[in-house]
Amino acid sequence: MKSSSNKRPATHAGSWYDDDPSALSKEIEKYISSAQESKTQFPNDKQLKAVIVPHAGYYYSGKTAGAAFIHLDPSLYDRVVVLGPSHYASFLNCYVTSYEKYEAPFGDIDIDTDAIAQLIKTSGSLFKYAPKSADMEEHSIEMELPFIQYIFSQKKKNFKQVH
């Protein structure tokens, strides 16, 4: 069941990461530049299917996030799937968002509602829409979005998100 409000607010912007786009861009650029200086080359670097990134405040996790995200080539992707744990709800299935957009400091992110609907339709009971309260409180996915937006914006590439 879709939420009556179609945009999920950025509930941790301004506390766990900067809500000012210019300041946030400079902060992320600092982490990206630092990571570029010591970038490890991986075989088939352009064929990465996933990165595992911490989801703490950027002061604590920004350097590691930058080191992970620099390996993504946005030209290869139109959809980004972001998985995160829940700190506020326990469940046996996988929750997905019922929102159509996700608010972020660099601009709203479109949610791939068709892909999410397909997951729900074809998974039996594995995927379900997250309760609004659990979606709103959780920070693990929100923390990754500014980095993803930044990386994609450098290539002037749009993407849709599934989470």
N, C-alpha and C. Protein backbone atom coordinates (compact mmCIF):
# COMPACT_ATOMS: atom_id res chain seq x y z
N MET A 1 0.84 -1.18 0.00
CA MET A 1 0.00 0.00 0.00
C MET A 1 0.89 1.24 0.00
N LYS A 2 0.69 2.11 -0.95
CA LYS A 2 1.52 3.29 -1.07
C LYS A 2 1.13 4.33 -0.03
N SER A 3 2.12 5.09 0.42
CA SER A 3 1.90 6.16 1.38
C SER A 3 1.13 7.29 0.72
N SER A 4 0.33 8.00 1.52
CA SER A 4 -0.40 9.14 0.97
C SER A 4 0.55 10.29 0.66
N SER A 5 1.68 10.36 1.34
CA SER A 5 2.72 11.34 1.06
C SER A 5 3.75 10.63 0.19
N ASN A 6 4.04 11.17 -0.98
CA ASN A 6 4.89 10.41 -1.90
C ASN A 6 6.38 10.75 -1.81
N LYS A 7 6.79 11.59 -0.87
CA LYS A 7 8.21 11.91 -0.73
C LYS A 7 8.67 11.64 0.71
N ARG A 8 9.71 10.84 0.84
CA ARG A 8 10.27 10.54 2.16
C ARG A 8 11.25 11.66 2.51
N PRO A 9 11.02 12.38 3.60
CA PRO A 9 11.93 13.47 3.98
C PRO A 9 13.31 12.95 4.38
N ALA A 10 14.29 13.79 4.19
CA ALA A 10 15.66 13.48 4.64
C ALA A 10 15.72 13.81 6.13
N THR A 11 15.43 12.84 6.95
CA THR A 11 15.28 13.07 8.39
C THR A 11 16.59 13.29 9.13
N HIS A 12 17.71 12.92 8.54
CA HIS A 12 19.00 13.06 9.23
C HIS A 12 19.89 14.15 8.63
N ALA A 13 19.41 14.80 7.57
CA ALA A 13 20.15 15.93 6.99
C ALA A 13 20.19 17.05 8.02
N GLY A 14 21.36 17.64 8.18
CA GLY A 14 21.51 18.71 9.15
C GLY A 14 21.97 18.23 10.51
N SER A 15 21.99 16.90 10.70
CA SER A 15 22.49 16.37 11.97
C SER A 15 23.60 15.34 11.70
N TRP A 16 23.31 14.31 10.94
CA TRP A 16 24.32 13.28 10.68
C TRP A 16 25.18 13.62 9.46
N TYR A 17 24.67 14.50 8.62
CA TYR A 17 25.42 15.03 7.49
C TYR A 17 24.86 16.41 7.18
N ASP A 18 25.63 17.21 6.47
CA ASP A 18 25.26 18.60 6.22
C ASP A 18 24.03 18.69 5.32
N ASP A 19 23.12 19.59 5.64
CA ASP A 19 21.93 19.77 4.80
C ASP A 19 22.11 20.88 3.78
N ASP A 20 23.25 21.57 3.81
CA ASP A 20 23.54 22.60 2.82
C ASP A 20 24.26 21.93 1.64
N PRO A 21 23.66 21.98 0.44
CA PRO A 21 24.26 21.27 -0.70
C PRO A 21 25.71 21.66 -1.00
N SER A 22 26.03 22.94 -0.88
CA SER A 22 27.39 23.39 -1.18
C SER A 22 28.38 22.83 -0.16
N ALA A 23 28.06 22.95 1.11
CA ALA A 23 28.95 22.43 2.16
C ALA A 23 29.05 20.91 2.08
N LEU A 24 27.93 20.24 1.80
CA LEU A 24 27.94 18.78 1.69
C LEU A 24 28.79 18.34 0.51
N SER A 25 28.68 19.03 -0.60
CA SER A 25 29.47 18.70 -1.78
C SER A 25 30.97 18.82 -1.47
N LYS A 26 31.36 19.87 -0.76
CA LYS A 26 32.77 20.05 -0.39
C LYS A 26 33.23 18.94 0.54
N GLU A 27 32.36 18.55 1.48
CA GLU A 27 32.73 17.48 2.41
C GLU A 27 32.92 16.16 1.67
N ILE A 28 31.98 15.82 0.81
CA ILE A 28 32.08 14.57 0.05
C ILE A 28 33.29 14.61 -0.88
N GLU A 29 33.52 15.75 -1.51
CA GLU A 29 34.68 15.88 -2.40
C GLU A 29 35.98 15.63 -1.63
N LYS A 30 36.04 16.10 -0.39
CA LYS A 30 37.22 15.86 0.45
C LYS A 30 37.44 14.36 0.65
N TYR A 31 36.35 13.63 0.95
CA TYR A 31 36.48 12.18 1.15
C TYR A 31 36.83 11.46 -0.15
N ILE A 32 36.24 11.89 -1.24
CA ILE A 32 36.51 11.28 -2.55
C ILE A 32 37.96 11.55 -2.95
N SER A 33 38.42 12.79 -2.82
CA SER A 33 39.80 13.14 -3.19
C SER A 33 40.80 12.36 -2.36
N SER A 34 40.54 12.26 -1.07
CA SER A 34 41.43 11.50 -0.19
C SER A 34 41.48 10.04 -0.63
N ALA A 35 40.34 9.49 -1.00
CA ALA A 35 40.29 8.10 -1.44
C ALA A 35 40.98 7.91 -2.79
N GLN A 36 40.85 8.90 -3.69
CA GLN A 36 41.48 8.79 -5.01
C GLN A 36 43.00 8.70 -4.88
N GLU A 37 43.56 9.41 -3.90
CA GLU A 37 45.01 9.42 -3.72
C GLU A 37 45.56 8.04 -3.36
N SER A 38 44.75 7.24 -2.70
CA SER A 38 45.21 5.91 -2.29
C SER A 38 44.34 4.80 -2.87
N LYS A 39 43.70 5.09 -3.99
CA LYS A 39 42.76 4.13 -4.59
C LYS A 39 43.45 2.82 -4.95
N THR A 40 42.88 1.76 -4.49
CA THR A 40 43.34 0.42 -4.85
C THR A 40 42.62 0.00 -6.12
N GLN A 41 43.35 -0.50 -7.06
CA GLN A 41 42.74 -0.99 -8.28
C GLN A 41 42.31 -2.44 -8.08
N PHE A 42 41.10 -2.72 -8.47
CA PHE A 42 40.58 -4.08 -8.39
C PHE A 42 40.44 -4.63 -9.79
N PRO A 43 40.62 -5.92 -9.96
CA PRO A 43 40.36 -6.50 -11.28
C PRO A 43 38.90 -6.23 -11.66
N ASN A 44 38.66 -5.93 -12.91
CA ASN A 44 37.31 -5.68 -13.41
C ASN A 44 36.60 -4.60 -12.60
N ASP A 45 37.32 -3.55 -12.22
CA ASP A 45 36.79 -2.47 -11.38
C ASP A 45 35.48 -1.91 -11.92
N LYS A 46 35.33 -1.84 -13.22
CA LYS A 46 34.13 -1.25 -13.80
C LYS A 46 32.93 -2.19 -13.79
N GLN A 47 33.12 -3.41 -13.35
CA GLN A 47 32.02 -4.38 -13.33
C GLN A 47 31.51 -4.66 -11.92
N LEU A 48 31.79 -3.77 -10.99
CA LEU A 48 31.31 -3.98 -9.62
C LEU A 48 29.80 -4.10 -9.58
N LYS A 49 29.33 -5.02 -8.78
CA LYS A 49 27.90 -5.21 -8.60
C LYS A 49 27.43 -4.64 -7.27
N ALA A 50 28.36 -4.46 -6.33
CA ALA A 50 27.97 -3.97 -5.00
C ALA A 50 29.16 -3.37 -4.29
N VAL A 51 28.86 -2.47 -3.38
CA VAL A 51 29.84 -1.97 -2.43
C VAL A 51 29.20 -2.07 -1.05
N ILE A 52 30.00 -2.30 -0.06
CA ILE A 52 29.53 -2.35 1.32
C ILE A 52 30.11 -1.12 2.02
N VAL A 53 29.22 -0.31 2.56
CA VAL A 53 29.60 1.00 3.08
C VAL A 53 29.01 1.19 4.47
N PRO A 54 29.78 1.80 5.40
CA PRO A 54 29.21 2.07 6.72
C PRO A 54 28.14 3.15 6.64
N HIS A 55 27.29 3.19 7.64
CA HIS A 55 26.17 4.13 7.61
C HIS A 55 26.11 5.04 8.83
N ALA A 56 27.27 5.37 9.38
CA ALA A 56 27.33 6.30 10.51
C ALA A 56 27.39 7.73 9.97
N GLY A 57 27.41 8.69 10.89
CA GLY A 57 27.60 10.08 10.48
C GLY A 57 28.89 10.22 9.68
N TYR A 58 28.94 11.17 8.78
CA TYR A 58 30.07 11.30 7.87
C TYR A 58 31.38 11.56 8.59
N TYR A 59 31.36 12.20 9.72
CA TYR A 59 32.57 12.42 10.48
C TYR A 59 33.25 11.09 10.78
N TYR A 60 32.44 10.06 11.02
CA TYR A 60 32.95 8.73 11.38
C TYR A 60 33.13 7.82 10.16
N SER A 61 32.27 7.96 9.16
CA SER A 61 32.26 6.98 8.07
C SER A 61 32.58 7.54 6.69
N GLY A 62 32.73 8.85 6.58
CA GLY A 62 32.89 9.48 5.27
C GLY A 62 34.10 9.01 4.49
N LYS A 63 35.22 8.84 5.17
CA LYS A 63 36.44 8.42 4.48
C LYS A 63 36.27 7.02 3.89
N THR A 64 35.69 6.12 4.65
CA THR A 64 35.47 4.75 4.16
C THR A 64 34.43 4.74 3.04
N ALA A 65 33.37 5.52 3.19
CA ALA A 65 32.35 5.60 2.14
C ALA A 65 32.97 6.12 0.84
N GLY A 66 33.77 7.16 0.94
CA GLY A 66 34.44 7.69 -0.25
C GLY A 66 35.31 6.66 -0.93
N ALA A 67 36.03 5.88 -0.13
CA ALA A 67 36.91 4.84 -0.68
C ALA A 67 36.12 3.74 -1.37
N ALA A 68 34.89 3.50 -0.95
CA ALA A 68 34.05 2.48 -1.60
C ALA A 68 33.40 3.03 -2.86
N PHE A 69 32.80 4.20 -2.76
CA PHE A 69 32.01 4.73 -3.87
C PHE A 69 32.84 5.15 -5.08
N ILE A 70 34.14 5.44 -4.90
CA ILE A 70 34.94 5.83 -6.07
C ILE A 70 35.10 4.70 -7.06
N HIS A 71 34.78 3.49 -6.67
CA HIS A 71 34.92 2.34 -7.57
C HIS A 71 33.70 2.14 -8.46
N LEU A 72 32.65 2.91 -8.25
CA LEU A 72 31.46 2.77 -9.08
C LEU A 72 31.57 3.65 -10.32
N ASP A 73 31.21 3.10 -11.45
CA ASP A 73 31.16 3.84 -12.71
C ASP A 73 29.68 4.07 -13.04
N PRO A 74 29.16 5.28 -12.77
CA PRO A 74 27.74 5.55 -12.98
C PRO A 74 27.24 5.29 -14.40
N SER A 75 28.13 5.33 -15.38
CA SER A 75 27.68 5.10 -16.76
C SER A 75 27.14 3.68 -16.95
N LEU A 76 27.45 2.79 -16.03
CA LEU A 76 27.02 1.39 -16.14
C LEU A 76 25.69 1.10 -15.48
N TYR A 77 25.11 2.09 -14.77
CA TYR A 77 23.93 1.81 -13.96
C TYR A 77 22.82 2.84 -14.19
N ASP A 78 21.60 2.35 -14.23
CA ASP A 78 20.41 3.21 -14.27
C ASP A 78 19.61 3.08 -12.98
N ARG A 79 19.85 2.01 -12.26
CA ARG A 79 19.12 1.73 -11.01
C ARG A 79 20.15 1.41 -9.94
N VAL A 80 19.92 1.95 -8.75
CA VAL A 80 20.77 1.68 -7.61
C VAL A 80 19.90 1.03 -6.53
N VAL A 81 20.32 -0.13 -6.08
CA VAL A 81 19.61 -0.83 -5.01
C VAL A 81 20.40 -0.61 -3.73
N VAL A 82 19.75 -0.02 -2.74
CA VAL A 82 20.41 0.26 -1.47
C VAL A 82 19.76 -0.62 -0.40
N LEU A 83 20.58 -1.46 0.21
CA LEU A 83 20.11 -2.33 1.28
C LEU A 83 20.64 -1.79 2.60
N GLY A 84 19.83 -1.86 3.62
CA GLY A 84 20.28 -1.39 4.92
C GLY A 84 19.58 -2.15 6.03
N PRO A 85 20.22 -2.19 7.18
CA PRO A 85 19.58 -2.83 8.32
C PRO A 85 18.51 -1.92 8.92
N SER A 86 17.74 -2.46 9.79
CA SER A 86 16.78 -1.65 10.53
C SER A 86 17.23 -1.57 11.98
N HIS A 87 17.31 -0.37 12.49
CA HIS A 87 17.66 -0.15 13.89
C HIS A 87 16.41 -0.01 14.75
N TYR A 88 15.22 0.04 14.13
CA TYR A 88 14.00 0.38 14.86
C TYR A 88 12.87 -0.64 14.73
N ALA A 89 12.96 -1.53 13.79
CA ALA A 89 11.88 -2.49 13.58
C ALA A 89 12.48 -3.88 13.39
N SER A 90 11.83 -4.86 13.94
CA SER A 90 12.26 -6.23 13.67
C SER A 90 11.22 -6.88 12.76
N PHE A 91 11.70 -7.70 11.86
CA PHE A 91 10.81 -8.31 10.89
C PHE A 91 11.49 -9.53 10.29
N LEU A 92 10.71 -10.38 9.70
CA LEU A 92 11.24 -11.60 9.09
C LEU A 92 11.39 -11.47 7.58
N ASN A 93 10.84 -10.44 7.02
CA ASN A 93 10.90 -10.26 5.57
C ASN A 93 11.78 -9.06 5.23
N CYS A 94 11.77 -8.65 3.99
CA CYS A 94 12.53 -7.48 3.54
C CYS A 94 11.57 -6.33 3.32
N TYR A 95 11.81 -5.25 3.99
CA TYR A 95 10.97 -4.07 3.81
C TYR A 95 11.49 -3.23 2.66
N VAL A 96 10.56 -2.71 1.88
CA VAL A 96 10.87 -1.76 0.81
C VAL A 96 10.03 -0.51 1.04
N THR A 97 10.47 0.57 0.48
CA THR A 97 9.78 1.83 0.70
C THR A 97 8.49 1.93 -0.11
N SER A 98 7.53 2.64 0.44
CA SER A 98 6.29 2.91 -0.29
C SER A 98 6.30 4.31 -0.89
N TYR A 99 7.37 5.04 -0.69
CA TYR A 99 7.47 6.39 -1.24
C TYR A 99 7.84 6.37 -2.72
N GLU A 100 7.52 7.44 -3.41
CA GLU A 100 7.85 7.58 -4.83
C GLU A 100 9.11 8.41 -5.05
N LYS A 101 9.46 9.21 -4.06
CA LYS A 101 10.67 10.04 -4.11
C LYS A 101 11.32 10.03 -2.74
N TYR A 102 12.62 10.31 -2.74
CA TYR A 102 13.39 10.39 -1.51
C TYR A 102 14.06 11.76 -1.50
N GLU A 103 13.76 12.55 -0.50
CA GLU A 103 14.36 13.87 -0.39
C GLU A 103 15.83 13.74 -0.01
N ALA A 104 16.67 14.53 -0.67
CA ALA A 104 18.10 14.53 -0.37
C ALA A 104 18.63 15.93 -0.65
N PRO A 105 19.72 16.34 0.00
CA PRO A 105 20.23 17.70 -0.17
C PRO A 105 20.57 18.10 -1.60
N PHE A 106 20.95 17.15 -2.44
CA PHE A 106 21.28 17.47 -3.83
C PHE A 106 20.07 17.39 -4.75
N GLY A 107 18.89 17.16 -4.21
CA GLY A 107 17.67 17.05 -4.99
C GLY A 107 16.99 15.72 -4.75
N ASP A 108 15.72 15.68 -5.06
CA ASP A 108 14.95 14.47 -4.83
C ASP A 108 15.43 13.33 -5.72
N ILE A 109 15.36 12.13 -5.16
CA ILE A 109 15.74 10.91 -5.89
C ILE A 109 14.47 10.15 -6.23
N ASP A 110 14.32 9.77 -7.48
CA ASP A 110 13.17 8.97 -7.89
C ASP A 110 13.33 7.54 -7.40
N ILE A 111 12.26 7.02 -6.84
CA ILE A 111 12.23 5.62 -6.42
C ILE A 111 11.69 4.82 -7.60
N ASP A 112 12.29 3.70 -7.88
CA ASP A 112 11.82 2.83 -8.96
C ASP A 112 10.63 2.02 -8.44
N THR A 113 9.47 2.66 -8.46
CA THR A 113 8.27 2.05 -7.90
C THR A 113 7.84 0.82 -8.70
N ASP A 114 8.13 0.79 -9.99
CA ASP A 114 7.79 -0.39 -10.79
C ASP A 114 8.61 -1.60 -10.35
N ALA A 115 9.90 -1.39 -10.12
CA ALA A 115 10.76 -2.50 -9.67
C ALA A 115 10.33 -2.98 -8.29
N ILE A 116 9.97 -2.06 -7.42
CA ILE A 116 9.53 -2.43 -6.07
C ILE A 116 8.21 -3.20 -6.14
N ALA A 117 7.29 -2.74 -6.95
CA ALA A 117 6.01 -3.44 -7.10
C ALA A 117 6.24 -4.86 -7.63
N GLN A 118 7.18 -5.00 -8.55
CA GLN A 118 7.50 -6.32 -9.10
C GLN A 118 8.10 -7.23 -8.02
N LEU A 119 8.98 -6.68 -7.18
CA LEU A 119 9.54 -7.46 -6.07
C LEU A 119 8.43 -7.98 -5.16
N ILE A 120 7.51 -7.11 -4.83
CA ILE A 120 6.41 -7.50 -3.93
C ILE A 120 5.52 -8.55 -4.60
N LYS A 121 5.22 -8.33 -5.86
CA LYS A 121 4.32 -9.22 -6.60
C LYS A 121 4.90 -10.62 -6.77
N THR A 122 6.18 -10.71 -7.03
CA THR A 122 6.77 -12.01 -7.39
C THR A 122 7.48 -12.73 -6.25
N SER A 123 7.55 -12.11 -5.06
CA SER A 123 8.36 -12.71 -4.00
C SER A 123 7.56 -13.51 -2.98
N GLY A 124 6.29 -13.70 -3.20
CA GLY A 124 5.49 -14.31 -2.15
C GLY A 124 5.34 -13.30 -1.04
N SER A 125 5.85 -13.62 0.12
CA SER A 125 5.77 -12.66 1.23
C SER A 125 7.14 -12.14 1.65
N LEU A 126 8.17 -12.36 0.83
CA LEU A 126 9.52 -11.94 1.19
C LEU A 126 9.63 -10.41 1.27
N PHE A 127 9.10 -9.71 0.28
CA PHE A 127 9.17 -8.25 0.27
C PHE A 127 7.81 -7.67 0.63
N LYS A 128 7.84 -6.66 1.52
CA LYS A 128 6.63 -5.95 1.94
C LYS A 128 6.97 -4.48 2.09
N TYR A 129 5.93 -3.64 1.97
CA TYR A 129 6.15 -2.22 2.21
C TYR A 129 6.46 -1.98 3.68
N ALA A 130 7.45 -1.16 3.94
CA ALA A 130 7.85 -0.83 5.32
C ALA A 130 6.77 0.02 5.98
N PRO A 131 6.53 -0.21 7.24
CA PRO A 131 5.67 0.73 7.97
C PRO A 131 6.30 2.12 7.89
N LYS A 132 5.47 3.11 7.72
CA LYS A 132 5.96 4.47 7.55
C LYS A 132 6.89 4.89 8.69
N SER A 133 6.54 4.53 9.91
CA SER A 133 7.37 4.93 11.06
C SER A 133 8.76 4.31 10.98
N ALA A 134 8.87 3.07 10.56
CA ALA A 134 10.17 2.41 10.44
C ALA A 134 10.99 3.05 9.32
N ASP A 135 10.35 3.37 8.21
CA ASP A 135 11.03 4.01 7.08
C ASP A 135 11.55 5.39 7.49
N MET A 136 10.74 6.16 8.18
CA MET A 136 11.11 7.53 8.56
C MET A 136 12.24 7.57 9.58
N GLU A 137 12.26 6.65 10.51
CA GLU A 137 13.28 6.68 11.56
C GLU A 137 14.64 6.16 11.10
N GLU A 138 14.64 5.25 10.16
CA GLU A 138 15.88 4.56 9.79
C GLU A 138 16.83 5.48 9.02
N HIS A 139 18.10 5.44 9.38
CA HIS A 139 19.11 6.28 8.76
C HIS A 139 20.06 5.53 7.83
N SER A 140 20.10 4.23 7.88
CA SER A 140 21.15 3.47 7.19
C SER A 140 21.14 3.70 5.68
N ILE A 141 19.99 3.78 5.07
CA ILE A 141 19.92 4.02 3.63
C ILE A 141 20.14 5.49 3.31
N GLU A 142 19.53 6.34 4.11
CA GLU A 142 19.66 7.79 3.88
C GLU A 142 21.12 8.24 3.87
N MET A 143 21.95 7.63 4.67
CA MET A 143 23.35 8.06 4.77
C MET A 143 24.12 7.82 3.48
N GLU A 144 23.70 6.87 2.67
CA GLU A 144 24.42 6.54 1.43
C GLU A 144 24.02 7.45 0.26
N LEU A 145 22.82 8.01 0.32
CA LEU A 145 22.27 8.70 -0.85
C LEU A 145 23.06 9.92 -1.30
N PRO A 146 23.52 10.81 -0.40
CA PRO A 146 24.32 11.93 -0.91
C PRO A 146 25.60 11.50 -1.62
N PHE A 147 26.25 10.45 -1.14
CA PHE A 147 27.44 9.95 -1.84
C PHE A 147 27.07 9.43 -3.23
N ILE A 148 25.98 8.67 -3.31
CA ILE A 148 25.55 8.13 -4.61
C ILE A 148 25.19 9.27 -5.55
N GLN A 149 24.44 10.24 -5.05
CA GLN A 149 24.09 11.40 -5.89
C GLN A 149 25.34 12.13 -6.36
N TYR A 150 26.28 12.32 -5.49
CA TYR A 150 27.51 13.03 -5.84
C TYR A 150 28.25 12.29 -6.95
N ILE A 151 28.45 11.00 -6.78
CA ILE A 151 29.17 10.19 -7.78
C ILE A 151 28.45 10.24 -9.12
N PHE A 152 27.14 10.08 -9.11
CA PHE A 152 26.37 10.12 -10.36
C PHE A 152 26.38 11.51 -10.98
N SER A 153 26.33 12.55 -10.16
CA SER A 153 26.30 13.91 -10.71
C SER A 153 27.61 14.26 -11.41
N GLN A 154 28.72 13.66 -10.99
CA GLN A 154 30.00 13.92 -11.64
C GLN A 154 29.99 13.45 -13.09
N LYS A 155 29.18 12.46 -13.38
CA LYS A 155 29.05 11.95 -14.76
C LYS A 155 27.76 12.46 -15.41
N LYS A 156 27.05 13.37 -14.70
CA LYS A 156 25.79 13.91 -15.20
C LYS A 156 24.82 12.79 -15.57
N LYS A 157 24.73 11.82 -14.69
CA LYS A 157 23.92 10.63 -14.91
C LYS A 157 22.81 10.57 -13.87
N ASN A 158 21.60 10.29 -14.30
CA ASN A 158 20.47 10.09 -13.40
C ASN A 158 20.32 8.61 -13.07
N PHE A 159 19.65 8.34 -11.97
CA PHE A 159 19.39 6.97 -11.58
C PHE A 159 18.08 6.92 -10.82
N LYS A 160 17.52 5.72 -10.76
CA LYS A 160 16.38 5.47 -9.90
C LYS A 160 16.86 4.56 -8.79
N GLN A 161 16.20 4.66 -7.66
CA GLN A 161 16.62 3.92 -6.48
C GLN A 161 15.59 2.89 -6.09
N VAL A 162 16.07 1.77 -5.60
CA VAL A 162 15.23 0.74 -4.99
C VAL A 162 15.78 0.54 -3.59
N HIS A 163 14.89 0.63 -2.62
CA HIS A 163 15.28 0.30 -1.24
C HIS A 163 14.06 -0.12 -0.46
